[in-house]
Amino acid sequence: MTPISILHEAEIELWEAVQFYENRCAGLGLDFEREIKAAIELIQRSPGRWPLRKDGTRRYLIHRFPYFVVYLIHKGHVWIIAFAHCRRKPGYWSGRARRAEPRRRRRRE
């Protein structure tokens, strides 16, 4: 399976969304978390399955909730950069893509 990393900002978004749904209805946060875990497993098994967007990211739409997973593939590694709500702040994660890719280290000669 393809290795996956989740940016810290995305982890915070996920935690906040889980808490939001759990506060609305007991067990709903857990359902949301299960949907996200299933999405991550699908992405990990077949990361190239979802279309490449102009900004270099891909999106997986969560079926039961109005969220999608924003990720990119770099050198065989999946970087999840956002767990984004479908109707809030479009494109706010775009600056995260550069931070997701490991920086190249300069060789000292």
PDB file of N, CA and C in Angstrom:
ATOM      1  N   MET A   1       0.831  -1.191   0.000  1.00  0.00           N
ATOM      2  CA  MET A   1       0.000   0.000   0.000  1.00  0.00           C
ATOM      3  C   MET A   1       0.870   1.248   0.000  1.00  0.00           C
ATOM      4  N   THR A   2       0.321   2.293  -0.513  1.00  0.00           N
ATOM      5  CA  THR A   2       1.027   3.568  -0.617  1.00  0.00           C
ATOM      6  C   THR A   2       1.141   4.224   0.757  1.00  0.00           C
ATOM      7  N   PRO A   3       2.332   4.701   1.119  1.00  0.00           N
ATOM      8  CA  PRO A   3       2.455   5.396   2.408  1.00  0.00           C
ATOM      9  C   PRO A   3       1.680   6.715   2.397  1.00  0.00           C
ATOM     10  N   ILE A   4       1.111   7.056   3.554  1.00  0.00           N
ATOM     11  CA  ILE A   4       0.307   8.275   3.694  1.00  0.00           C
ATOM     12  C   ILE A   4       0.796   9.080   4.880  1.00  0.00           C
ATOM     13  N   SER A   5       0.835  10.393   4.696  1.00  0.00           N
ATOM     14  CA  SER A   5       1.092  11.333   5.794  1.00  0.00           C
ATOM     15  C   SER A   5      -0.039  12.350   5.801  1.00  0.00           C
ATOM     16  N   ILE A   6      -0.389  12.814   6.995  1.00  0.00           N
ATOM     17  CA  ILE A   6      -1.445  13.812   7.148  1.00  0.00           C
ATOM     18  C   ILE A   6      -0.827  15.053   7.764  1.00  0.00           C
ATOM     19  N   LEU A   7      -1.000  16.189   7.094  1.00  0.00           N
ATOM     20  CA  LEU A   7      -0.475  17.435   7.645  1.00  0.00           C
ATOM     21  C   LEU A   7      -1.157  17.758   8.967  1.00  0.00           C
ATOM     22  N   HIS A   8      -0.424  18.410   9.836  1.00  0.00           N
ATOM     23  CA  HIS A   8      -0.937  18.760  11.160  1.00  0.00           C
ATOM     24  C   HIS A   8      -2.233  19.571  11.069  1.00  0.00           C
ATOM     25  N   GLU A   9      -2.284  20.526  10.154  1.00  0.00           N
ATOM     26  CA  GLU A   9      -3.492  21.346   9.990  1.00  0.00           C
ATOM     27  C   GLU A   9      -4.696  20.486   9.625  1.00  0.00           C
ATOM     28  N   ALA A  10      -4.475  19.478   8.795  1.00  0.00           N
ATOM     29  CA  ALA A  10      -5.559  18.579   8.403  1.00  0.00           C
ATOM     30  C   ALA A  10      -6.017  17.738   9.595  1.00  0.00           C
ATOM     31  N   GLU A  11      -5.071  17.303  10.424  1.00  0.00           N
ATOM     32  CA  GLU A  11      -5.440  16.548  11.627  1.00  0.00           C
ATOM     33  C   GLU A  11      -6.324  17.387  12.543  1.00  0.00           C
ATOM     34  N   ILE A  12      -5.998  18.658  12.676  1.00  0.00           N
ATOM     35  CA  ILE A  12      -6.804  19.562  13.505  1.00  0.00           C
ATOM     36  C   ILE A  12      -8.206  19.705  12.911  1.00  0.00           C
ATOM     37  N   GLU A  13      -8.287  19.890  11.598  1.00  0.00           N
ATOM     38  CA  GLU A  13      -9.597  19.988  10.937  1.00  0.00           C
ATOM     39  C   GLU A  13     -10.436  18.745  11.182  1.00  0.00           C
ATOM     40  N   LEU A  14      -9.809  17.598  11.073  1.00  0.00           N
ATOM     41  CA  LEU A  14     -10.519  16.340  11.282  1.00  0.00           C
ATOM     42  C   LEU A  14     -11.049  16.261  12.705  1.00  0.00           C
ATOM     43  N   TRP A  15     -10.195  16.556  13.672  1.00  0.00           N
ATOM     44  CA  TRP A  15     -10.595  16.518  15.077  1.00  0.00           C
ATOM     45  C   TRP A  15     -11.765  17.466  15.333  1.00  0.00           C
ATOM     46  N   GLU A  16     -11.695  18.676  14.796  1.00  0.00           N
ATOM     47  CA  GLU A  16     -12.769  19.656  14.996  1.00  0.00           C
ATOM     48  C   GLU A  16     -14.077  19.183  14.373  1.00  0.00           C
ATOM     49  N   ALA A  17     -14.013  18.579  13.195  1.00  0.00           N
ATOM     50  CA  ALA A  17     -15.224  18.082  12.541  1.00  0.00           C
ATOM     51  C   ALA A  17     -15.829  16.914  13.318  1.00  0.00           C
ATOM     52  N   VAL A  18     -14.981  16.015  13.804  1.00  0.00           N
ATOM     53  CA  VAL A  18     -15.471  14.891  14.616  1.00  0.00           C
ATOM     54  C   VAL A  18     -16.184  15.426  15.850  1.00  0.00           C
ATOM     55  N   GLN A  19     -15.579  16.393  16.524  1.00  0.00           N
ATOM     56  CA  GLN A  19     -16.188  16.980  17.724  1.00  0.00           C
ATOM     57  C   GLN A  19     -17.505  17.683  17.394  1.00  0.00           C
ATOM     58  N   PHE A  20     -17.544  18.401  16.283  1.00  0.00           N
ATOM     59  CA  PHE A  20     -18.765  19.087  15.865  1.00  0.00           C
ATOM     60  C   PHE A  20     -19.911  18.091  15.700  1.00  0.00           C
ATOM     61  N   TYR A  21     -19.668  17.017  14.954  1.00  0.00           N
ATOM     62  CA  TYR A  21     -20.721  16.029  14.719  1.00  0.00           C
ATOM     63  C   TYR A  21     -21.097  15.292  16.000  1.00  0.00           C
ATOM     64  N   GLU A  22     -20.129  15.019  16.834  1.00  0.00           N
ATOM     65  CA  GLU A  22     -20.420  14.326  18.096  1.00  0.00           C
ATOM     66  C   GLU A  22     -21.275  15.203  19.010  1.00  0.00           C
ATOM     67  N   ASN A  23     -21.017  16.503  19.009  1.00  0.00           N
ATOM     68  CA  ASN A  23     -21.815  17.424  19.820  1.00  0.00           C
ATOM     69  C   ASN A  23     -23.239  17.571  19.287  1.00  0.00           C
ATOM     70  N   ARG A  24     -23.416  17.393  18.011  1.00  0.00           N
ATOM     71  CA  ARG A  24     -24.761  17.478  17.418  1.00  0.00           C
ATOM     72  C   ARG A  24     -25.592  16.260  17.749  1.00  0.00           C
ATOM     73  N   CYS A  25     -24.953  15.083  17.732  1.00  0.00           N
ATOM     74  CA  CYS A  25     -25.685  13.839  17.997  1.00  0.00           C
ATOM     75  C   CYS A  25     -24.679  12.775  18.430  1.00  0.00           C
ATOM     76  N   ALA A  26     -24.910  12.183  19.587  1.00  0.00           N
ATOM     77  CA  ALA A  26     -23.991  11.158  20.102  1.00  0.00           C
ATOM     78  C   ALA A  26     -23.822  10.036  19.076  1.00  0.00           C
ATOM     79  N   GLY A  27     -22.584   9.726  18.765  1.00  0.00           N
ATOM     80  CA  GLY A  27     -22.270   8.671  17.808  1.00  0.00           C
ATOM     81  C   GLY A  27     -22.046   9.166  16.386  1.00  0.00           C
ATOM     82  N   LEU A  28     -22.524  10.366  16.078  1.00  0.00           N
ATOM     83  CA  LEU A  28     -22.367  10.889  14.721  1.00  0.00           C
ATOM     84  C   LEU A  28     -20.904  11.225  14.424  1.00  0.00           C
ATOM     85  N   GLY A  29     -20.189  11.707  15.424  1.00  0.00           N
ATOM     86  CA  GLY A  29     -18.765  11.977  15.250  1.00  0.00           C
ATOM     87  C   GLY A  29     -17.989  10.711  14.941  1.00  0.00           C
ATOM     88  N   LEU A  30     -18.359   9.627  15.616  1.00  0.00           N
ATOM     89  CA  LEU A  30     -17.718   8.337  15.366  1.00  0.00           C
ATOM     90  C   LEU A  30     -18.028   7.854  13.949  1.00  0.00           C
ATOM     91  N   ASP A  31     -19.272   8.049  13.510  1.00  0.00           N
ATOM     92  CA  ASP A  31     -19.633   7.684  12.133  1.00  0.00           C
ATOM     93  C   ASP A  31     -18.798   8.471  11.122  1.00  0.00           C
ATOM     94  N   PHE A  32     -18.647   9.763  11.377  1.00  0.00           N
ATOM     95  CA  PHE A  32     -17.841  10.605  10.494  1.00  0.00           C
ATOM     96  C   PHE A  32     -16.397  10.101  10.457  1.00  0.00           C
ATOM     97  N   GLU A  33     -15.853   9.801  11.623  1.00  0.00           N
ATOM     98  CA  GLU A  33     -14.472   9.308  11.697  1.00  0.00           C
ATOM     99  C   GLU A  33     -14.317   7.995  10.935  1.00  0.00           C
ATOM    100  N   ARG A  34     -15.292   7.117  11.020  1.00  0.00           N
ATOM    101  CA  ARG A  34     -15.244   5.851  10.268  1.00  0.00           C
ATOM    102  C   ARG A  34     -15.249   6.097   8.762  1.00  0.00           C
ATOM    103  N   GLU A  35     -16.076   7.044   8.332  1.00  0.00           N
ATOM    104  CA  GLU A  35     -16.121   7.386   6.901  1.00  0.00           C
ATOM    105  C   GLU A  35     -14.766   7.912   6.422  1.00  0.00           C
ATOM    106  N   ILE A  36     -14.146   8.736   7.240  1.00  0.00           N
ATOM    107  CA  ILE A  36     -12.827   9.287   6.890  1.00  0.00           C
ATOM    108  C   ILE A  36     -11.789   8.172   6.816  1.00  0.00           C
ATOM    109  N   LYS A  37     -11.806   7.270   7.795  1.00  0.00           N
ATOM    110  CA  LYS A  37     -10.845   6.154   7.785  1.00  0.00           C
ATOM    111  C   LYS A  37     -11.028   5.284   6.547  1.00  0.00           C
ATOM    112  N   ALA A  38     -12.284   5.032   6.172  1.00  0.00           N
ATOM    113  CA  ALA A  38     -12.550   4.245   4.960  1.00  0.00           C
ATOM    114  C   ALA A  38     -12.027   4.975   3.724  1.00  0.00           C
ATOM    115  N   ALA A  39     -12.208   6.291   3.683  1.00  0.00           N
ATOM    116  CA  ALA A  39     -11.706   7.089   2.557  1.00  0.00           C
ATOM    117  C   ALA A  39     -10.183   7.006   2.471  1.00  0.00           C
ATOM    118  N   ILE A  40      -9.525   7.128   3.613  1.00  0.00           N
ATOM    119  CA  ILE A  40      -8.059   7.061   3.638  1.00  0.00           C
ATOM    120  C   ILE A  40      -7.576   5.703   3.148  1.00  0.00           C
ATOM    121  N   GLU A  41      -8.256   4.635   3.544  1.00  0.00           N
ATOM    122  CA  GLU A  41      -7.873   3.298   3.082  1.00  0.00           C
ATOM    123  C   GLU A  41      -8.020   3.173   1.567  1.00  0.00           C
ATOM    124  N   LEU A  42      -9.112   3.703   1.017  1.00  0.00           N
ATOM    125  CA  LEU A  42      -9.300   3.656  -0.439  1.00  0.00           C
ATOM    126  C   LEU A  42      -8.226   4.462  -1.163  1.00  0.00           C
ATOM    127  N   ILE A  43      -7.937   5.638  -0.646  1.00  0.00           N
ATOM    128  CA  ILE A  43      -6.890   6.475  -1.242  1.00  0.00           C
ATOM    129  C   ILE A  43      -5.549   5.758  -1.172  1.00  0.00           C
ATOM    130  N   GLN A  44      -5.274   5.123  -0.047  1.00  0.00           N
ATOM    131  CA  GLN A  44      -4.005   4.421   0.130  1.00  0.00           C
ATOM    132  C   GLN A  44      -3.873   3.255  -0.847  1.00  0.00           C
ATOM    133  N   ARG A  45      -4.965   2.553  -1.106  1.00  0.00           N
ATOM    134  CA  ARG A  45      -4.924   1.417  -2.023  1.00  0.00           C
ATOM    135  C   ARG A  45      -4.773   1.836  -3.483  1.00  0.00           C
ATOM    136  N   SER A  46      -5.399   2.964  -3.829  1.00  0.00           N
ATOM    137  CA  SER A  46      -5.395   3.387  -5.229  1.00  0.00           C
ATOM    138  C   SER A  46      -5.385   4.911  -5.333  1.00  0.00           C
ATOM    139  N   PRO A  47      -4.267   5.541  -4.998  1.00  0.00           N
ATOM    140  CA  PRO A  47      -4.234   7.003  -4.925  1.00  0.00           C
ATOM    141  C   PRO A  47      -4.474   7.720  -6.246  1.00  0.00           C
ATOM    142  N   GLY A  48      -4.142   7.108  -7.359  1.00  0.00           N
ATOM    143  CA  GLY A  48      -4.316   7.759  -8.650  1.00  0.00           C
ATOM    144  C   GLY A  48      -5.717   7.634  -9.228  1.00  0.00           C
ATOM    145  N   ARG A  49      -6.596   7.013  -8.500  1.00  0.00           N
ATOM    146  CA  ARG A  49      -7.954   6.744  -8.984  1.00  0.00           C
ATOM    147  C   ARG A  49      -8.792   8.012  -9.173  1.00  0.00           C
ATOM    148  N   TRP A  50      -8.567   9.020  -8.366  1.00  0.00           N
ATOM    149  CA  TRP A  50      -9.367  10.242  -8.436  1.00  0.00           C
ATOM    150  C   TRP A  50      -8.652  11.276  -9.289  1.00  0.00           C
ATOM    151  N   PRO A  51      -9.429  12.078 -10.022  1.00  0.00           N
ATOM    152  CA  PRO A  51      -8.832  12.972 -11.025  1.00  0.00           C
ATOM    153  C   PRO A  51      -7.863  14.004 -10.453  1.00  0.00           C
ATOM    154  N   LEU A  52      -6.843  14.254 -11.223  1.00  0.00           N
ATOM    155  CA  LEU A  52      -5.861  15.285 -10.893  1.00  0.00           C
ATOM    156  C   LEU A  52      -6.463  16.637 -11.250  1.00  0.00           C
ATOM    157  N   ARG A  53      -6.384  17.570 -10.317  1.00  0.00           N
ATOM    158  CA  ARG A  53      -6.927  18.910 -10.536  1.00  0.00           C
ATOM    159  C   ARG A  53      -5.814  19.842 -10.998  1.00  0.00           C
ATOM    160  N   LYS A  54      -6.182  21.021 -11.471  1.00  0.00           N
ATOM    161  CA  LYS A  54      -5.201  21.977 -11.990  1.00  0.00           C
ATOM    162  C   LYS A  54      -4.137  22.341 -10.968  1.00  0.00           C
ATOM    163  N   ASP A  55      -4.510  22.361  -9.690  1.00  0.00           N
ATOM    164  CA  ASP A  55      -3.555  22.749  -8.645  1.00  0.00           C
ATOM    165  C   ASP A  55      -2.657  21.601  -8.196  1.00  0.00           C
ATOM    166  N   GLY A  56      -2.786  20.429  -8.838  1.00  0.00           N
ATOM    167  CA  GLY A  56      -1.947  19.287  -8.506  1.00  0.00           C
ATOM    168  C   GLY A  56      -2.502  18.401  -7.408  1.00  0.00           C
ATOM    169  N   THR A  57      -3.672  18.753  -6.869  1.00  0.00           N
ATOM    170  CA  THR A  57      -4.283  17.946  -5.816  1.00  0.00           C
ATOM    171  C   THR A  57      -5.331  17.014  -6.408  1.00  0.00           C
ATOM    172  N   ARG A  58      -5.774  16.111  -5.573  1.00  0.00           N
ATOM    173  CA  ARG A  58      -6.882  15.220  -5.899  1.00  0.00           C
ATOM    174  C   ARG A  58      -7.875  15.319  -4.749  1.00  0.00           C
ATOM    175  N   ARG A  59      -9.130  14.956  -5.025  1.00  0.00           N
ATOM    176  CA  ARG A  59     -10.157  15.043  -3.981  1.00  0.00           C
ATOM    177  C   ARG A  59     -10.980  13.766  -3.946  1.00  0.00           C
ATOM    178  N   TYR A  60     -11.217  13.325  -2.735  1.00  0.00           N
ATOM    179  CA  TYR A  60     -12.113  12.195  -2.514  1.00  0.00           C
ATOM    180  C   TYR A  60     -13.313  12.716  -1.740  1.00  0.00           C
ATOM    181  N   LEU A  61     -14.507  12.581  -2.313  1.00  0.00           N
ATOM    182  CA  LEU A  61     -15.729  13.066  -1.688  1.00  0.00           C
ATOM    183  C   LEU A  61     -16.250  12.040  -0.681  1.00  0.00           C
ATOM    184  N   ILE A  62     -16.508  12.490   0.540  1.00  0.00           N
ATOM    185  CA  ILE A  62     -17.082  11.637   1.583  1.00  0.00           C
ATOM    186  C   ILE A  62     -18.582  11.544   1.297  1.00  0.00           C
ATOM    187  N   HIS A  63     -19.112  10.349   1.221  1.00  0.00           N
ATOM    188  CA  HIS A  63     -20.481  10.165   0.748  1.00  0.00           C
ATOM    189  C   HIS A  63     -21.558  10.593   1.740  1.00  0.00           C
ATOM    190  N   ARG A  64     -21.407  10.301   2.991  1.00  0.00           N
ATOM    191  CA  ARG A  64     -22.462  10.592   3.972  1.00  0.00           C
ATOM    192  C   ARG A  64     -22.405  11.990   4.560  1.00  0.00           C
ATOM    193  N   PHE A  65     -21.296  12.654   4.385  1.00  0.00           N
ATOM    194  CA  PHE A  65     -21.075  13.961   5.004  1.00  0.00           C
ATOM    195  C   PHE A  65     -20.591  14.946   3.939  1.00  0.00           C
ATOM    196  N   PRO A  66     -20.846  16.246   4.136  1.00  0.00           N
ATOM    197  CA  PRO A  66     -20.428  17.233   3.123  1.00  0.00           C
ATOM    198  C   PRO A  66     -18.950  17.618   3.244  1.00  0.00           C
ATOM    199  N   TYR A  67     -18.084  16.635   3.154  1.00  0.00           N
ATOM    200  CA  TYR A  67     -16.640  16.837   3.275  1.00  0.00           C
ATOM    201  C   TYR A  67     -15.933  16.115   2.148  1.00  0.00           C
ATOM    202  N   PHE A  68     -14.726  16.569   1.865  1.00  0.00           N
ATOM    203  CA  PHE A  68     -13.864  15.833   0.954  1.00  0.00           C
ATOM    204  C   PHE A  68     -12.439  15.851   1.488  1.00  0.00           C
ATOM    205  N   VAL A  69     -11.686  14.853   1.075  1.00  0.00           N
ATOM    206  CA  VAL A  69     -10.280  14.728   1.454  1.00  0.00           C
ATOM    207  C   VAL A  69      -9.461  15.305   0.306  1.00  0.00           C
ATOM    208  N   VAL A  70      -8.613  16.269   0.620  1.00  0.00           N
ATOM    209  CA  VAL A  70      -7.732  16.872  -0.383  1.00  0.00           C
ATOM    210  C   VAL A  70      -6.348  16.262  -0.184  1.00  0.00           C
ATOM    211  N   TYR A  71      -5.788  15.703  -1.247  1.00  0.00           N
ATOM    212  CA  TYR A  71      -4.472  15.082  -1.124  1.00  0.00           C
ATOM    213  C   TYR A  71      -3.680  15.270  -2.403  1.00  0.00           C
ATOM    214  N   LEU A  72      -2.390  15.020  -2.278  1.00  0.00           N
ATOM    215  CA  LEU A  72      -1.530  15.004  -3.452  1.00  0.00           C
ATOM    216  C   LEU A  72      -0.584  13.826  -3.345  1.00  0.00           C
ATOM    217  N   ILE A  73      -0.054  13.450  -4.476  1.00  0.00           N
ATOM    218  CA  ILE A  73       0.896  12.340  -4.540  1.00  0.00           C
ATOM    219  C   ILE A  73       2.239  12.922  -4.948  1.00  0.00           C
ATOM    220  N   HIS A  74       3.261  12.610  -4.168  1.00  0.00           N
ATOM    221  CA  HIS A  74       4.607  13.094  -4.466  1.00  0.00           C
ATOM    222  C   HIS A  74       5.587  11.953  -4.249  1.00  0.00           C
ATOM    223  N   LYS A  75       6.234  11.534  -5.325  1.00  0.00           N
ATOM    224  CA  LYS A  75       7.237  10.464  -5.286  1.00  0.00           C
ATOM    225  C   LYS A  75       6.712   9.216  -4.578  1.00  0.00           C
ATOM    226  N   GLY A  76       5.516   8.794  -4.962  1.00  0.00           N
ATOM    227  CA  GLY A  76       4.955   7.565  -4.422  1.00  0.00           C
ATOM    228  C   GLY A  76       4.428   7.666  -3.005  1.00  0.00           C
ATOM    229  N   HIS A  77       4.282   8.867  -2.506  1.00  0.00           N
ATOM    230  CA  HIS A  77       3.796   9.091  -1.140  1.00  0.00           C
ATOM    231  C   HIS A  77       2.555   9.979  -1.212  1.00  0.00           C
ATOM    232  N   VAL A  78       1.512   9.631  -0.464  1.00  0.00           N
ATOM    233  CA  VAL A  78       0.290  10.434  -0.422  1.00  0.00           C
ATOM    234  C   VAL A  78       0.379  11.393   0.754  1.00  0.00           C
ATOM    235  N   TRP A  79       0.088  12.654   0.481  1.00  0.00           N
ATOM    236  CA  TRP A  79       0.058  13.696   1.511  1.00  0.00           C
ATOM    237  C   TRP A  79      -1.360  14.236   1.592  1.00  0.00           C
ATOM    238  N   ILE A  80      -2.038  13.997   2.708  1.00  0.00           N
ATOM    239  CA  ILE A  80      -3.372  14.564   2.910  1.00  0.00           C
ATOM    240  C   ILE A  80      -3.173  15.963   3.460  1.00  0.00           C
ATOM    241  N   ILE A  81      -3.693  16.941   2.724  1.00  0.00           N
ATOM    242  CA  ILE A  81      -3.463  18.327   3.126  1.00  0.00           C
ATOM    243  C   ILE A  81      -4.696  18.990   3.729  1.00  0.00           C
ATOM    244  N   ALA A  82      -5.887  18.377   3.556  1.00  0.00           N
ATOM    245  CA  ALA A  82      -7.088  18.972   4.158  1.00  0.00           C
ATOM    246  C   ALA A  82      -8.229  17.965   4.211  1.00  0.00           C
ATOM    247  N   PHE A  83      -9.051  18.124   5.233  1.00  0.00           N
ATOM    248  CA  PHE A  83     -10.363  17.498   5.322  1.00  0.00           C
ATOM    249  C   PHE A  83     -11.320  18.682   5.254  1.00  0.00           C
ATOM    250  N   ALA A  84     -11.807  18.982   4.072  1.00  0.00           N
ATOM    251  CA  ALA A  84     -12.502  20.242   3.818  1.00  0.00           C
ATOM    252  C   ALA A  84     -14.011  20.065   3.699  1.00  0.00           C
ATOM    253  N   HIS A  85     -14.731  21.020   4.266  1.00  0.00           N
ATOM    254  CA  HIS A  85     -16.182  21.064   4.117  1.00  0.00           C
ATOM    255  C   HIS A  85     -16.489  21.540   2.700  1.00  0.00           C
ATOM    256  N   CYS A  86     -17.491  20.956   2.085  1.00  0.00           N
ATOM    257  CA  CYS A  86     -17.810  21.259   0.684  1.00  0.00           C
ATOM    258  C   CYS A  86     -18.298  22.685   0.456  1.00  0.00           C
ATOM    259  N   ARG A  87     -18.821  23.330   1.497  1.00  0.00           N
ATOM    260  CA  ARG A  87     -19.429  24.647   1.294  1.00  0.00           C
ATOM    261  C   ARG A  87     -18.743  25.772   2.057  1.00  0.00           C
ATOM    262  N   ARG A  88     -17.556  25.538   2.554  1.00  0.00           N
ATOM    263  CA  ARG A  88     -16.875  26.576   3.334  1.00  0.00           C
ATOM    264  C   ARG A  88     -15.486  26.862   2.769  1.00  0.00           C
ATOM    265  N   LYS A  89     -15.149  28.110   2.662  1.00  0.00           N
ATOM    266  CA  LYS A  89     -13.806  28.584   2.295  1.00  0.00           C
ATOM    267  C   LYS A  89     -13.139  27.780   1.172  1.00  0.00           C
ATOM    268  N   PRO A  90     -13.657  27.810  -0.022  1.00  0.00           N
ATOM    269  CA  PRO A  90     -13.035  27.020  -1.088  1.00  0.00           C
ATOM    270  C   PRO A  90     -11.573  27.407  -1.320  1.00  0.00           C
ATOM    271  N   GLY A  91     -10.737  26.396  -1.445  1.00  0.00           N
ATOM    272  CA  GLY A  91      -9.336  26.607  -1.776  1.00  0.00           C
ATOM    273  C   GLY A  91      -8.434  27.095  -0.665  1.00  0.00           C
ATOM    274  N   TYR A  92      -8.920  27.160   0.565  1.00  0.00           N
ATOM    275  CA  TYR A  92      -8.099  27.678   1.661  1.00  0.00           C
ATOM    276  C   TYR A  92      -6.840  26.848   1.897  1.00  0.00           C
ATOM    277  N   TRP A  93      -6.834  25.620   1.474  1.00  0.00           N
ATOM    278  CA  TRP A  93      -5.711  24.707   1.717  1.00  0.00           C
ATOM    279  C   TRP A  93      -4.616  24.817   0.664  1.00  0.00           C
ATOM    280  N   SER A  94      -4.805  25.625  -0.358  1.00  0.00           N
ATOM    281  CA  SER A  94      -3.879  25.631  -1.500  1.00  0.00           C
ATOM    282  C   SER A  94      -2.430  25.914  -1.101  1.00  0.00           C
ATOM    283  N   GLY A  95      -2.192  26.709  -0.086  1.00  0.00           N
ATOM    284  CA  GLY A  95      -0.826  26.983   0.351  1.00  0.00           C
ATOM    285  C   GLY A  95      -0.164  25.824   1.068  1.00  0.00           C
ATOM    286  N   ARG A  96      -0.944  24.838   1.439  1.00  0.00           N
ATOM    287  CA  ARG A  96      -0.393  23.689   2.170  1.00  0.00           C
ATOM    288  C   ARG A  96       0.341  22.706   1.271  1.00  0.00           C
ATOM    289  N   ALA A  97       0.054  22.714   0.000  1.00  0.00           N
ATOM    290  CA  ALA A  97       0.654  21.733  -0.907  1.00  0.00           C
ATOM    291  C   ALA A  97       2.171  21.808  -0.890  1.00  0.00           C
ATOM    292  N   ARG A  98       2.714  23.018  -0.846  1.00  0.00           N
ATOM    293  CA  ARG A  98       4.177  23.165  -0.827  1.00  0.00           C
ATOM    294  C   ARG A  98       4.778  22.609   0.455  1.00  0.00           C
ATOM    295  N   ARG A  99       4.069  22.768   1.563  1.00  0.00           N
ATOM    296  CA  ARG A  99       4.586  22.260   2.834  1.00  0.00           C
ATOM    297  C   ARG A  99       4.495  20.748   2.921  1.00  0.00           C
ATOM    298  N   ALA A 100       3.605  20.159   2.133  1.00  0.00           N
ATOM    299  CA  ALA A 100       3.419  18.712   2.190  1.00  0.00           C
ATOM    300  C   ALA A 100       4.588  17.965   1.573  1.00  0.00           C
ATOM    301  N   GLU A 101       5.152  18.505   0.525  1.00  0.00           N
ATOM    302  CA  GLU A 101       6.252  17.832  -0.153  1.00  0.00           C
ATOM    303  C   GLU A 101       7.537  18.055   0.629  1.00  0.00           C
ATOM    304  N   PRO A 102       8.254  16.982   0.911  1.00  0.00           N
ATOM    305  CA  PRO A 102       9.508  17.152   1.649  1.00  0.00           C
ATOM    306  C   PRO A 102      10.481  18.039   0.882  1.00  0.00           C
ATOM    307  N   ARG A 103      11.104  18.894   1.592  1.00  0.00           N
ATOM    308  CA  ARG A 103      12.057  19.810   0.944  1.00  0.00           C
ATOM    309  C   ARG A 103      13.332  19.063   0.575  1.00  0.00           C
ATOM    310  N   ARG A 104      13.854  19.420  -0.562  1.00  0.00           N
ATOM    311  CA  ARG A 104      15.118  18.819  -0.989  1.00  0.00           C
ATOM    312  C   ARG A 104      16.254  19.420  -0.187  1.00  0.00           C
ATOM    313  N   ARG A 105      17.098  18.577   0.269  1.00  0.00           N
ATOM    314  CA  ARG A 105      18.254  19.060   1.035  1.00  0.00           C
ATOM    315  C   ARG A 105      19.411  19.323   0.087  1.00  0.00           C
ATOM    316  N   ARG A 106      20.088  20.402   0.354  1.00  0.00           N
ATOM    317  CA  ARG A 106      21.256  20.732  -0.466  1.00  0.00           C
ATOM    318  C   ARG A 106      22.432  19.882  -0.026  1.00  0.00           C
ATOM    319  N   ARG A 107      23.171  19.455  -1.007  1.00  0.00           N
ATOM    320  CA  ARG A 107      24.387  18.696  -0.710  1.00  0.00           C
ATOM    321  C   ARG A 107      25.519  19.651  -0.431  1.00  0.00           C
ATOM    322  N   ARG A 108      26.241  19.346   0.588  1.00  0.00           N
ATOM    323  CA  ARG A 108      27.438  20.153   0.872  1.00  0.00           C
ATOM    324  C   ARG A 108      28.621  19.509   0.181  1.00  0.00           C
ATOM    325  N   GLU A 109      29.348  20.317  -0.502  1.00  0.00           N
ATOM    326  CA  GLU A 109      30.514  19.775  -1.210  1.00  0.00           C
ATOM    327  C   GLU A 109      31.782  20.350  -0.658  1.00  0.00           C
TER     328      GLU A 109
END
